[in-house]
């Protein structure tokens, strides 16, 4: 455990699938580097499903809050805030389960928590210094999700459309959209340039204050 003399600045970045959450997170990371910014991906905290067959895994509702391992996610964020490194699980979407690998995440002055439900859990929100909701039109989100799932996750168009209608859209309306009320900042039209610049300016200010004697 590393001794730290400050509380890390924790940023929650929430929004629907394909909204542009990753663009915000990666821009913050690219602007300040891994020594200053650690990113925790909620997608990697889907529950372990090793006890289920591949067929059953495919039928799970991955857009419901219960699909995530909340105790582990909260434990890991608390550890990072306390100056401890974590072994973040790695989720493999091609097998609908965690892989046998983990990802080392070191503590840093700025911690970004990115995910559909980043603003859903009260325990996580209490640890956040800045809560962001990336608000993007549904048709844009669907197109981005479709392109990603075909290119990166080996999905068919029929399966993507079916999942979107069965779970993605209704779960967004029921669980994700309401978390907007917890946000300190709502980014309209997705991760637009001026909004991202505003966020990086805030992070720069925080880091600058930490470096002052």
Protein backbone atom coordinates (compact mmCIF):
# COMPACT_ATOMS: atom_id res chain seq x y z
CA UNK A 1 0.00 0.00 0.00
CA UNK A 2 1.27 3.45 -0.93
CA UNK A 3 0.90 6.29 1.53
CA UNK A 4 -1.02 9.15 -0.05
CA UNK A 5 -1.49 12.62 1.38
CA UNK A 6 -4.58 13.48 -0.68
CA UNK A 7 -7.91 12.04 -1.69
CA UNK A 8 -7.88 11.04 -5.37
CA UNK A 9 -10.24 12.95 -7.63
CA UNK A 10 -12.78 10.34 -8.73
CA UNK A 11 -14.79 10.92 -11.91
CA UNK A 12 -17.83 8.83 -12.84
CA UNK A 13 -18.67 8.70 -16.55
CA UNK A 14 -22.06 7.17 -17.30
CA UNK A 15 -24.37 7.02 -20.31
CA UNK A 16 -26.06 4.59 -22.65
CA UNK A 17 -24.31 2.04 -24.81
CA UNK A 18 -22.54 3.88 -27.65
CA UNK A 19 -22.98 7.29 -26.06
CA UNK A 20 -19.29 8.25 -26.12
CA UNK A 21 -18.25 7.40 -22.55
CA UNK A 22 -14.99 5.86 -23.73
CA UNK A 23 -14.15 8.97 -25.73
CA UNK A 24 -14.36 11.06 -22.57
CA UNK A 25 -12.34 8.61 -20.48
CA UNK A 26 -9.65 8.08 -23.10
CA UNK A 27 -9.28 11.81 -23.70
CA UNK A 28 -8.68 12.40 -19.99
CA UNK A 29 -6.17 9.53 -19.95
CA UNK A 30 -4.41 10.73 -23.10
CA UNK A 31 -4.20 14.30 -21.80
CA UNK A 32 -2.49 13.44 -18.51
CA UNK A 33 -1.05 9.94 -18.87
CA UNK A 34 -1.28 6.73 -16.81
CA UNK A 35 0.80 8.13 -13.93
CA UNK A 36 -1.87 10.73 -13.29
CA UNK A 37 -5.04 8.89 -14.37
CA UNK A 38 -6.34 5.38 -13.68
CA UNK A 39 -9.38 4.09 -15.56
CA UNK A 40 -11.74 1.48 -14.13
CA UNK A 41 -14.00 -0.07 -16.76
CA UNK A 42 -17.33 -1.26 -15.42
CA UNK A 43 -17.68 -3.57 -18.45
CA UNK A 44 -14.94 -5.72 -16.92
CA UNK A 45 -17.02 -6.22 -13.78
CA UNK A 46 -19.76 -8.35 -15.29
CA UNK A 47 -20.42 -11.27 -12.97
CA UNK A 48 -18.37 -14.43 -13.44
CA UNK A 49 -20.48 -16.92 -15.39
CA UNK A 50 -18.19 -19.94 -15.43
CA UNK A 51 -20.98 -22.09 -14.00
CA UNK A 52 -23.26 -21.44 -16.97
CA UNK A 53 -23.18 -23.01 -20.43
CA UNK A 54 -22.33 -20.77 -23.41
CA UNK A 55 -25.96 -20.98 -24.58
CA UNK A 56 -27.29 -19.77 -21.23
CA UNK A 57 -24.68 -17.01 -21.01
CA UNK A 58 -25.77 -15.64 -24.37
CA UNK A 59 -29.34 -15.26 -23.11
CA UNK A 60 -28.44 -13.23 -20.01
CA UNK A 61 -29.59 -9.61 -19.68
CA UNK A 62 -26.31 -7.69 -19.76
CA UNK A 63 -28.06 -4.33 -19.56
CA UNK A 64 -29.54 -4.88 -16.09
CA UNK A 65 -27.76 -3.64 -12.93
CA UNK A 66 -27.78 -7.18 -11.50
CA UNK A 67 -25.43 -8.31 -14.29
CA UNK A 68 -22.53 -6.62 -12.48
CA UNK A 69 -20.34 -7.64 -9.55
CA UNK A 70 -20.99 -4.54 -7.44
CA UNK A 71 -19.17 -5.68 -4.28
CA UNK A 72 -15.93 -6.26 -6.21
CA UNK A 73 -16.20 -2.97 -8.11
CA UNK A 74 -16.79 -0.95 -4.93
CA UNK A 75 -13.98 -2.81 -3.15
CA UNK A 76 -11.55 -2.05 -5.97
CA UNK A 77 -12.41 1.65 -6.13
CA UNK A 78 -11.97 1.94 -2.37
CA UNK A 79 -8.59 0.23 -2.67
CA UNK A 80 -7.44 2.65 -5.38
CA UNK A 81 -8.54 5.60 -3.28
CA UNK A 82 -6.49 4.19 -0.41
CA UNK A 83 -3.38 3.99 -2.60
CA UNK A 84 -3.53 0.26 -3.37
CA UNK A 85 -3.12 -1.30 -6.81
CA UNK A 86 -5.84 -3.68 -7.98
CA UNK A 87 -6.11 -6.62 -10.36
CA UNK A 88 -9.14 -5.65 -12.44
CA UNK A 89 -10.92 -8.61 -14.04
CA UNK A 90 -10.88 -8.81 -17.83
CA UNK A 91 -14.20 -9.61 -19.48
CA UNK A 92 -14.20 -11.43 -22.82
CA UNK A 93 -17.35 -10.56 -24.77
CA UNK A 94 -16.69 -13.26 -27.35
CA UNK A 95 -17.34 -15.93 -24.69
CA UNK A 96 -19.71 -13.92 -22.47
CA UNK A 97 -17.52 -14.50 -19.44
CA UNK A 98 -14.42 -13.29 -17.64
CA UNK A 99 -11.15 -14.36 -19.17
CA UNK A 100 -8.44 -16.01 -17.09
CA UNK A 101 -6.44 -12.76 -17.14
CA UNK A 102 -6.56 -9.66 -14.97
CA UNK A 103 -5.45 -6.08 -15.63
CA UNK A 104 -3.15 -4.29 -13.20
CA UNK A 105 -4.53 -0.85 -12.31
CA UNK A 106 -2.29 1.35 -10.20
CA UNK A 107 -3.55 4.14 -7.93
CA UNK A 108 -3.35 7.66 -9.33
CA UNK A 109 -4.39 11.21 -8.43
CA UNK A 110 -7.36 10.91 -10.82
CA UNK A 111 -9.56 7.81 -11.04
CA UNK A 112 -12.11 7.50 -13.84
CA UNK A 113 -14.97 5.01 -13.46
CA UNK A 114 -16.61 4.41 -16.82
CA UNK A 115 -19.73 2.38 -17.46
CA UNK A 116 -23.42 2.16 -18.22
CA UNK A 117 -24.22 2.24 -14.50
CA UNK A 118 -21.33 4.34 -13.23
CA UNK A 119 -23.83 6.63 -11.45
CA UNK A 120 -26.25 3.89 -10.36
CA UNK A 121 -24.78 2.67 -7.08
CA UNK A 122 -24.93 5.00 -4.08
CA UNK A 123 -21.70 3.61 -2.61
CA UNK A 124 -19.83 4.47 -5.79
CA UNK A 125 -21.40 7.92 -6.08
CA UNK A 126 -20.29 8.80 -2.54
CA UNK A 127 -16.67 8.35 -3.63
CA UNK A 128 -16.97 10.56 -6.72
CA UNK A 129 -15.79 14.14 -6.97
CA UNK A 130 -17.37 14.69 -10.40
CA UNK A 131 -20.31 12.80 -11.91
CA UNK A 132 -20.77 12.98 -15.69
CA UNK A 133 -23.60 11.69 -17.88
CA UNK A 134 -22.92 11.46 -21.62
CA UNK A 135 -26.25 12.10 -23.34
CA UNK A 136 -26.48 10.95 -26.96
CA UNK A 137 -29.41 10.42 -29.33
CA UNK A 138 -30.72 6.81 -29.39
CA UNK A 139 -30.21 6.32 -33.14
CA UNK A 140 -26.57 7.41 -32.90
CA UNK A 141 -25.99 5.08 -29.95
CA UNK A 142 -27.55 2.14 -31.77
CA UNK A 143 -25.44 2.64 -34.90
CA UNK A 144 -22.24 2.87 -32.84
CA UNK A 145 -23.18 -0.23 -30.85
CA UNK A 146 -23.94 -2.17 -34.02
CA UNK A 147 -20.62 -1.22 -35.63
CA UNK A 148 -18.68 -2.13 -32.48
CA UNK A 149 -20.40 -5.46 -31.88
CA UNK A 150 -19.87 -6.60 -35.47
CA UNK A 151 -16.25 -5.47 -35.65
CA UNK A 152 -15.03 -6.32 -32.14
CA UNK A 153 -17.36 -8.95 -30.70
CA UNK A 154 -18.18 -11.17 -33.67
CA UNK A 155 -21.92 -10.54 -33.41
CA UNK A 156 -24.47 -10.90 -36.22
CA UNK A 157 -26.81 -8.09 -37.22
CA UNK A 158 -29.88 -10.12 -36.23
CA UNK A 159 -28.51 -10.80 -32.75
CA UNK A 160 -27.61 -7.14 -32.25
CA UNK A 161 -31.05 -5.91 -33.28
CA UNK A 162 -32.78 -8.56 -31.18
CA UNK A 163 -30.75 -7.71 -28.08
CA UNK A 164 -31.32 -4.00 -28.59
CA UNK A 165 -35.10 -4.41 -28.75
CA UNK A 166 -35.34 -7.01 -25.97
CA UNK A 167 -33.02 -5.55 -23.35
CA UNK A 168 -30.81 -2.61 -24.38
CA UNK A 169 -33.57 -0.09 -25.11
CA UNK A 170 -35.96 -0.99 -22.26
CA UNK A 171 -33.13 -1.25 -19.70
CA UNK A 172 -31.77 2.12 -20.79
CA UNK A 173 -35.15 3.74 -20.18
CA UNK A 174 -35.72 1.94 -16.88
CA UNK A 175 -32.29 2.08 -15.26
CA UNK A 176 -29.69 4.14 -17.12
CA UNK A 177 -31.59 7.27 -18.19
CA UNK A 178 -32.80 7.93 -14.60
CA UNK A 179 -29.20 8.10 -13.33
CA UNK A 180 -28.88 11.37 -15.23
CA UNK A 181 -30.39 13.09 -12.20
CA UNK A 182 -27.28 12.23 -10.19
CA UNK A 183 -24.93 13.92 -12.67
CA UNK A 184 -23.07 17.12 -11.91
CA UNK A 185 -22.47 17.61 -15.64
CA UNK A 186 -24.55 16.36 -18.58
CA UNK A 187 -22.78 16.32 -21.94
CA UNK A 188 -25.39 16.95 -24.66
CA UNK A 189 -24.79 15.50 -28.11
CA UNK A 190 -22.28 13.02 -26.71
CA UNK A 191 -18.60 13.64 -26.11
CA UNK A 192 -18.49 16.95 -27.96
CA UNK A 193 -15.20 18.83 -28.11
CA UNK A 194 -16.00 21.84 -25.90
CA UNK A 195 -17.45 19.61 -23.18
CA UNK A 196 -14.43 17.31 -23.14
CA UNK A 197 -12.14 20.36 -23.07
CA UNK A 198 -14.02 21.64 -20.03
CA UNK A 199 -13.53 18.32 -18.23
CA UNK A 200 -9.81 18.11 -19.03
CA UNK A 201 -9.39 21.71 -17.83
CA UNK A 202 -10.98 20.74 -14.51
CA UNK A 203 -8.68 17.72 -14.21
CA UNK A 204 -5.67 19.88 -15.04
CA UNK A 205 -6.68 22.23 -12.23
CA UNK A 206 -6.96 19.35 -9.77
CA UNK A 207 -3.58 17.92 -10.75
CA UNK A 208 -2.02 21.38 -10.62
CA UNK A 209 -3.24 21.86 -7.05
CA UNK A 210 -1.78 18.51 -6.02
CA UNK A 211 1.63 19.50 -7.35
CA UNK A 212 1.76 22.79 -5.47
CA UNK A 213 4.05 22.80 -2.42
